[in-house]
C-alpha atoms as a PDB file:
ATOM      1  CA  MET A   1     -15.738  -4.173  19.743  1.00  0.00           C
ATOM      2  CA  GLU A   2     -15.173  -5.036  16.091  1.00  0.00           C
ATOM      3  CA  MET A   3     -11.543  -5.403  15.056  1.00  0.00           C
ATOM      4  CA  PRO A   4     -10.297  -3.140  12.279  1.00  0.00           C
ATOM      5  CA  GLN A   5     -10.210  -4.433   8.714  1.00  0.00           C
ATOM      6  CA  VAL A   6      -6.881  -4.630   6.909  1.00  0.00           C
ATOM      7  CA  TYR A   7      -6.626  -4.414   3.130  1.00  0.00           C
ATOM      8  CA  CYS A   8      -3.877  -6.810   2.014  1.00  0.00           C
ATOM      9  CA  ALA A   9      -2.146  -5.293  -1.010  1.00  0.00           C
ATOM     10  CA  GLY A  10       0.496  -7.191  -2.903  1.00  0.00           C
ATOM     11  CA  PRO A  11       1.385  -9.157  -5.984  1.00  0.00           C
ATOM     12  CA  LEU A  12      -0.802 -12.160  -6.757  1.00  0.00           C
ATOM     13  CA  PHE A  13       0.311 -13.316 -10.179  1.00  0.00           C
ATOM     14  CA  THR A  14       2.243 -16.469  -9.248  1.00  0.00           C
ATOM     15  CA  ASN A  15       1.493 -19.321  -6.850  1.00  0.00           C
ATOM     16  CA  SER A  16       4.240 -18.205  -4.462  1.00  0.00           C
ATOM     17  CA  GLU A  17       2.943 -14.622  -4.456  1.00  0.00           C
ATOM     18  CA  ARG A  18      -0.597 -15.824  -3.784  1.00  0.00           C
ATOM     19  CA  GLN A  19       0.663 -18.076  -0.952  1.00  0.00           C
ATOM     20  CA  GLU A  20       2.598 -15.223   0.619  1.00  0.00           C
ATOM     21  CA  MET A  21      -0.443 -12.935   0.467  1.00  0.00           C
ATOM     22  CA  ALA A  22      -2.607 -15.671   2.005  1.00  0.00           C
ATOM     23  CA  GLU A  23      -0.017 -16.054   4.778  1.00  0.00           C
ATOM     24  CA  ILE A  24      -0.083 -12.304   5.445  1.00  0.00           C
ATOM     25  CA  ALA A  25      -3.894 -12.321   5.675  1.00  0.00           C
ATOM     26  CA  GLY A  26      -3.812 -15.450   7.842  1.00  0.00           C
ATOM     27  CA  VAL A  27      -1.413 -13.957  10.403  1.00  0.00           C
ATOM     28  CA  LEU A  28      -3.571 -10.845  10.663  1.00  0.00           C
ATOM     29  CA  GLU A  29      -6.763 -12.915  11.015  1.00  0.00           C
ATOM     30  CA  VAL A  30      -5.233 -15.035  13.787  1.00  0.00           C
ATOM     31  CA  ALA A  31      -4.462 -11.752  15.577  1.00  0.00           C
ATOM     32  CA  GLY A  32      -8.176 -10.876  15.323  1.00  0.00           C
ATOM     33  CA  TYR A  33      -8.233  -8.547  12.324  1.00  0.00           C
ATOM     34  CA  THR A  34     -10.644  -8.970   9.466  1.00  0.00           C
ATOM     35  CA  THR A  35      -8.966  -8.773   6.080  1.00  0.00           C
ATOM     36  CA  PHE A  36      -9.769  -8.061   2.474  1.00  0.00           C
ATOM     37  CA  LEU A  37      -7.519 -10.206   0.307  1.00  0.00           C
ATOM     38  CA  PRO A  38      -8.264  -9.362  -3.333  1.00  0.00           C
ATOM     39  CA  GLN A  39      -7.357 -12.828  -4.646  1.00  0.00           C
ATOM     40  CA  ARG A  40      -9.802 -14.427  -2.213  1.00  0.00           C
ATOM     41  CA  ASP A  41     -12.422 -11.772  -1.556  1.00  0.00           C
ATOM     42  CA  GLY A  42     -12.380  -9.778  -4.772  1.00  0.00           C
ATOM     43  CA  LEU A  43     -13.023 -10.464  -8.434  1.00  0.00           C
ATOM     44  CA  GLU A  44     -10.640 -12.840 -10.172  1.00  0.00           C
ATOM     45  CA  PHE A  45      -9.845 -11.591 -13.668  1.00  0.00           C
ATOM     46  CA  ALA A  46      -8.719 -14.922 -15.165  1.00  0.00           C
ATOM     47  CA  ARG A  47     -11.815 -16.751 -13.949  1.00  0.00           C
ATOM     48  CA  LEU A  48     -14.428 -14.114 -14.790  1.00  0.00           C
ATOM     49  CA  LEU A  49     -13.144 -12.920 -18.168  1.00  0.00           C
ATOM     50  CA  PRO A  50     -14.234 -16.041 -20.107  1.00  0.00           C
ATOM     51  CA  GLU A  51     -17.689 -15.862 -18.498  1.00  0.00           C
ATOM     52  CA  LEU A  52     -18.070 -12.188 -19.429  1.00  0.00           C
ATOM     53  CA  GLN A  53     -16.832 -12.850 -22.952  1.00  0.00           C
ATOM     54  CA  GLN A  54     -19.578 -15.452 -23.338  1.00  0.00           C
ATOM     55  CA  LEU A  55     -22.173 -12.922 -22.215  1.00  0.00           C
ATOM     56  CA  THR A  56     -20.997  -9.929 -24.249  1.00  0.00           C
ATOM     57  CA  ARG A  57     -19.569 -11.629 -27.344  1.00  0.00           C
ATOM     58  CA  LEU A  58     -17.031  -8.794 -27.456  1.00  0.00           C
ATOM     59  CA  SER A  59     -13.762  -9.561 -25.697  1.00  0.00           C
ATOM     60  CA  VAL A  60     -12.720  -5.887 -25.618  1.00  0.00           C
ATOM     61  CA  ALA A  61     -15.955  -4.918 -23.843  1.00  0.00           C
ATOM     62  CA  ALA A  62     -15.628  -7.834 -21.410  1.00  0.00           C
ATOM     63  CA  ASP A  63     -12.039  -6.900 -20.591  1.00  0.00           C
ATOM     64  CA  SER A  64     -12.957  -3.260 -19.989  1.00  0.00           C
ATOM     65  CA  ILE A  65     -16.014  -4.126 -17.894  1.00  0.00           C
ATOM     66  CA  LEU A  66     -14.021  -6.492 -15.700  1.00  0.00           C
ATOM     67  CA  GLN A  67     -11.121  -4.070 -15.233  1.00  0.00           C
ATOM     68  CA  ARG A  68     -13.542  -1.344 -14.132  1.00  0.00           C
ATOM     69  CA  ALA A  69     -15.340  -3.743 -11.790  1.00  0.00           C
ATOM     70  CA  ILE A  70     -12.094  -4.903 -10.158  1.00  0.00           C
ATOM     71  CA  PHE A  71     -10.901  -1.327  -9.709  1.00  0.00           C
ATOM     72  CA  SER A  72     -14.257  -0.225  -8.280  1.00  0.00           C
ATOM     73  CA  LEU A  73     -14.546  -3.115  -5.813  1.00  0.00           C
ATOM     74  CA  ASP A  74     -10.950  -2.881  -4.613  1.00  0.00           C
ATOM     75  CA  VAL A  75     -11.077   0.905  -4.144  1.00  0.00           C
ATOM     76  CA  PHE A  76     -14.428   0.595  -2.334  1.00  0.00           C
ATOM     77  CA  GLN A  77     -13.021  -2.051   0.029  1.00  0.00           C
ATOM     78  CA  LEU A  78      -9.873  -0.022   0.601  1.00  0.00           C
ATOM     79  CA  LEU A  79     -11.460   3.385   1.154  1.00  0.00           C
ATOM     80  CA  SER A  80     -14.844   2.495   2.651  1.00  0.00           C
ATOM     81  CA  ARG A  81     -14.304  -0.669   4.639  1.00  0.00           C
ATOM     82  CA  SER A  82     -10.643  -0.880   5.592  1.00  0.00           C
ATOM     83  CA  ASP A  83      -8.826   0.847   8.421  1.00  0.00           C
ATOM     84  CA  ALA A  84      -5.330  -0.117   7.342  1.00  0.00           C
ATOM     85  CA  VAL A  85      -3.319  -1.323   4.368  1.00  0.00           C
ATOM     86  CA  VAL A  86      -0.496  -3.838   4.500  1.00  0.00           C
ATOM     87  CA  ALA A  87       1.534  -3.345   1.320  1.00  0.00           C
ATOM     88  CA  ASN A  88       3.742  -6.287   0.366  1.00  0.00           C
ATOM     89  CA  ILE A  89       6.507  -4.798  -1.780  1.00  0.00           C
ATOM     90  CA  ASN A  90       8.574  -7.949  -2.254  1.00  0.00           C
ATOM     91  CA  GLY A  91      10.198  -8.396  -5.651  1.00  0.00           C
ATOM     92  CA  ARG A  92      12.803  -6.603  -7.727  1.00  0.00           C
ATOM     93  CA  VAL A  93      10.288  -3.770  -8.096  1.00  0.00           C
ATOM     94  CA  PRO A  94       7.007  -3.444  -6.202  1.00  0.00           C
ATOM     95  CA  ASP A  95       3.781  -4.477  -7.922  1.00  0.00           C
ATOM     96  CA  GLU A  96       2.135  -1.457  -9.563  1.00  0.00           C
ATOM     97  CA  GLY A  97      -1.292  -2.156  -8.094  1.00  0.00           C
ATOM     98  CA  THR A  98       0.211  -2.432  -4.618  1.00  0.00           C
ATOM     99  CA  VAL A  99       1.848   0.965  -5.007  1.00  0.00           C
ATOM    100  CA  VAL A 100      -1.485   2.524  -6.044  1.00  0.00           C
ATOM    101  CA  GLU A 101      -3.332   0.847  -3.159  1.00  0.00           C
ATOM    102  CA  ALA A 102      -0.734   2.002  -0.614  1.00  0.00           C
ATOM    103  CA  ALA A 103      -0.837   5.554  -1.984  1.00  0.00           C
ATOM    104  CA  LEU A 104      -4.648   5.641  -1.935  1.00  0.00           C
ATOM    105  CA  GLY A 105      -4.590   4.370   1.644  1.00  0.00           C
ATOM    106  CA  TRP A 106      -2.015   6.939   2.736  1.00  0.00           C
ATOM    107  CA  LEU A 107      -3.766   9.850   1.059  1.00  0.00           C
ATOM    108  CA  SER A 108      -7.134   8.866   2.563  1.00  0.00           C
ATOM    109  CA  GLY A 109      -5.693   8.745   6.086  1.00  0.00           C
ATOM    110  CA  LYS A 110      -5.502   4.957   6.497  1.00  0.00           C
ATOM    111  CA  ALA A 111      -2.750   3.297   8.488  1.00  0.00           C
ATOM    112  CA  VAL A 112      -0.155   1.980   6.017  1.00  0.00           C
ATOM    113  CA  VAL A 113       2.318  -0.765   6.874  1.00  0.00           C
ATOM    114  CA  ILE A 114       5.027  -1.658   4.372  1.00  0.00           C
ATOM    115  CA  TYR A 115       6.149  -5.301   4.369  1.00  0.00           C
ATOM    116  CA  LYS A 116       9.268  -6.596   2.647  1.00  0.00           C
ATOM    117  CA  ASP A 117      11.565  -9.502   3.388  1.00  0.00           C
ATOM    118  CA  ASP A 118      13.238  -9.459  -0.036  1.00  0.00           C
ATOM    119  CA  SER A 119      16.537  -7.599  -0.232  1.00  0.00           C
ATOM    120  CA  ARG A 120      16.361  -6.841  -3.971  1.00  0.00           C
ATOM    121  CA  THR A 121      16.048  -3.124  -4.665  1.00  0.00           C
ATOM    122  CA  VAL A 122      16.648  -0.715  -7.474  1.00  0.00           C
ATOM    123  CA  LEU A 123      18.344   2.075  -5.508  1.00  0.00           C
ATOM    124  CA  SER A 124      21.604   0.666  -4.119  1.00  0.00           C
ATOM    125  CA  GLY A 125      20.055  -1.285  -1.275  1.00  0.00           C
ATOM    126  CA  SER A 126      17.242   1.153  -0.532  1.00  0.00           C
ATOM    127  CA  ASP A 127      13.672   1.125  -1.675  1.00  0.00           C
ATOM    128  CA  HIS A 128      12.221   4.177  -3.368  1.00  0.00           C
ATOM    129  CA  PRO A 129      11.536   6.906  -0.789  1.00  0.00           C
ATOM    130  CA  MET A 130       8.197   7.785  -2.418  1.00  0.00           C
ATOM    131  CA  LEU A 131       6.965   4.301  -1.509  1.00  0.00           C
ATOM    132  CA  ILE A 132       8.670   3.765   1.848  1.00  0.00           C
ATOM    133  CA  ALA A 133       7.418   7.177   3.024  1.00  0.00           C
ATOM    134  CA  LEU A 134       3.859   5.825   2.834  1.00  0.00           C
ATOM    135  CA  GLY A 135       4.782   3.588   5.800  1.00  0.00           C
ATOM    136  CA  ASP A 136       6.512   6.446   7.643  1.00  0.00           C
ATOM    137  CA  PHE A 137       9.896   5.105   6.458  1.00  0.00           C
ATOM    138  CA  ARG A 138       9.454   1.877   8.434  1.00  0.00           C
ATOM    139  CA  VAL A 139       9.500  -1.541   6.785  1.00  0.00           C
ATOM    140  CA  VAL A 140       8.333  -4.720   8.505  1.00  0.00           C
ATOM    141  CA  ASN A 141      10.596  -7.641   7.583  1.00  0.00           C
ATOM    142  CA  ALA A 142       8.726 -10.561   9.161  1.00  0.00           C
ATOM    143  CA  ILE A 143       5.128 -11.588   8.541  1.00  0.00           C
ATOM    144  CA  SER A 144       4.765 -12.472  12.227  1.00  0.00           C
ATOM    145  CA  GLU A 145       5.407  -8.808  13.136  1.00  0.00           C
ATOM    146  CA  LEU A 146       2.581  -7.461  10.935  1.00  0.00           C
ATOM    147  CA  PRO A 147      -0.250  -7.547  13.525  1.00  0.00           C
ATOM    148  CA  GLN A 148       1.767  -5.464  15.991  1.00  0.00           C
ATOM    149  CA  ALA A 149       2.830  -3.013  13.253  1.00  0.00           C
ATOM    150  CA  VAL A 150      -0.779  -2.648  12.061  1.00  0.00           C
ATOM    151  CA  SER A 151      -1.969  -2.002  15.619  1.00  0.00           C
ATOM    152  CA  LYS A 152       0.721   0.637  16.142  1.00  0.00           C
ATOM    153  CA  GLU A 153      -0.120   2.399  12.879  1.00  0.00           C
ATOM    154  CA  ILE A 154      -3.878   2.285  13.455  1.00  0.00           C
ATOM    155  CA  HIS A 155      -3.360   4.053  16.786  1.00  0.00           C
ATOM    156  CA  ALA A 156      -0.817   6.575  15.445  1.00  0.00           C
ATOM    157  CA  ASP A 157      -1.787  10.195  14.943  1.00  0.00           C
ATOM    158  CA  ARG A 158      -2.410  10.683  11.232  1.00  0.00           C
ATOM    159  CA  LYS A 159      -4.384  13.911  11.634  1.00  0.00           C
ATOM    160  CA  ASP A 160      -3.436  16.540   9.078  1.00  0.00           C
ATOM    161  CA  ARG A 161      -0.746  14.216   7.665  1.00  0.00           C
ATOM    162  CA  VAL A 162      -1.026  15.675   4.169  1.00  0.00           C
ATOM    163  CA  GLN A 163      -1.031  19.294   5.367  1.00  0.00           C
ATOM    164  CA  LYS A 164       2.012  18.671   7.561  1.00  0.00           C
ATOM    165  CA  LEU A 165       3.850  17.082   4.640  1.00  0.00           C
ATOM    166  CA  LEU A 166       2.980  19.991   2.353  1.00  0.00           C
ATOM    167  CA  GLU A 167       4.308  22.450   4.937  1.00  0.00           C
ATOM    168  CA  VAL A 168       7.620  20.572   5.214  1.00  0.00           C
ATOM    169  CA  GLY A 169       7.789  20.409   1.412  1.00  0.00           C
ATOM    170  CA  ARG A 170       7.200  24.158   1.156  1.00  0.00           C
ATOM    171  CA  ARG A 171       9.954  24.832   3.683  1.00  0.00           C
ATOM    172  CA  ILE A 172      12.342  22.548   1.795  1.00  0.00           C
ATOM    173  CA  ALA A 173      11.490  24.289  -1.475  1.00  0.00           C
ATOM    174  CA  ASP A 174      12.181  27.649   0.175  1.00  0.00           C
ATOM    175  CA  ALA A 175      15.487  26.343   1.582  1.00  0.00           C
ATOM    176  CA  LYS A 176      16.580  25.323  -1.907  1.00  0.00           C
ATOM    177  CA  GLN A 177      16.291  28.885  -3.229  1.00  0.00           C
ATOM    178  CA  PRO A 178      19.519  30.256  -4.770  1.00  0.00           C
ATOM    179  CA  SER A 179      19.998  32.629  -1.830  1.00  0.00           C
ATOM    180  CA  GLN A 180      20.555  29.674   0.486  1.00  0.00           C
ATOM    181  CA  HIS A 181      24.243  28.740   0.613  1.00  0.00           C
ATOM    182  CA  ASN A 182      24.051  25.581   2.693  1.00  0.00           C
ATOM    183  CA  VAL A 183      21.047  23.605   1.454  1.00  0.00           C
ATOM    184  CA  ALA A 184      22.153  20.382   3.212  1.00  0.00           C
ATOM    185  CA  ALA A 185      22.293  22.110   6.612  1.00  0.00           C
ATOM    186  CA  SER A 186      18.879  23.660   5.994  1.00  0.00           C
ATOM    187  CA  LEU A 187      17.406  20.254   5.066  1.00  0.00           C
ATOM    188  CA  LEU A 188      18.882  18.634   8.152  1.00  0.00           C
ATOM    189  CA  ALA A 189      17.432  21.351  10.384  1.00  0.00           C
ATOM    190  CA  LEU A 190      13.984  21.100   8.766  1.00  0.00           C
ATOM    191  CA  LEU A 191      13.708  17.336   8.876  1.00  0.00           C
ATOM    192  CA  THR A 192      14.990  16.825  12.408  1.00  0.00           C
ATOM    193  CA  GLU A 193      12.740  19.378  14.125  1.00  0.00           C
END
C-alpha cells in the first residue's frame, strides 16, 4: 500500500527556514510518507528567473511566467497529489503562501496539520482563529510529533466539513440577532453540542 503524500507548506526565504522545512519533510519521510517540499521538488524562483529573462528578454514577462508556473505546480501538487498538508506557521506572522496552501487544503478536504514551536503571536498569545481552525484548533509543537498528527488527521472524518461549518455559522448568526438577550450563552450551547 502506498503511503499518503504530505504537502509541506511553510516559509522558505532564509537558510534557517529552509532547514526547518527540510527537517519537517525528513521526519515525515522517515515515517514512510512521501512529501512535496516546494523548495526541493518545485520551481525555484531565484534560480529560474535569470534563465527565463535570458529567453524572453523581458523581465516583466519572465517574472509573470514564473509566478504563474510556481502557483500552478504547487496547487497541482497540493490538490491532485497530496493527501495532507503540514503548515509551518512559525514566525511573528505566518507566511502568506503557507496560509493560502493550508486554506486550499482545508477547503478541498485534505487533512491539515498546523505546526508551530515559536511562541510569537499577534493576538495576545494566541494565533489567529481563522488559521488555527484549519487544523481543527490543534497545533503540533514538536517536529517529531508530525507523523502521528498527520496519520490521525488523514484518518479523521472530514466528510461534509464545509457544510457542517456553514450550518454552525448560520446558527451563530441567528443567535446574534437582536432578539437574543444572552448571545454568549447561545454561543456556548451551539459550540459545545
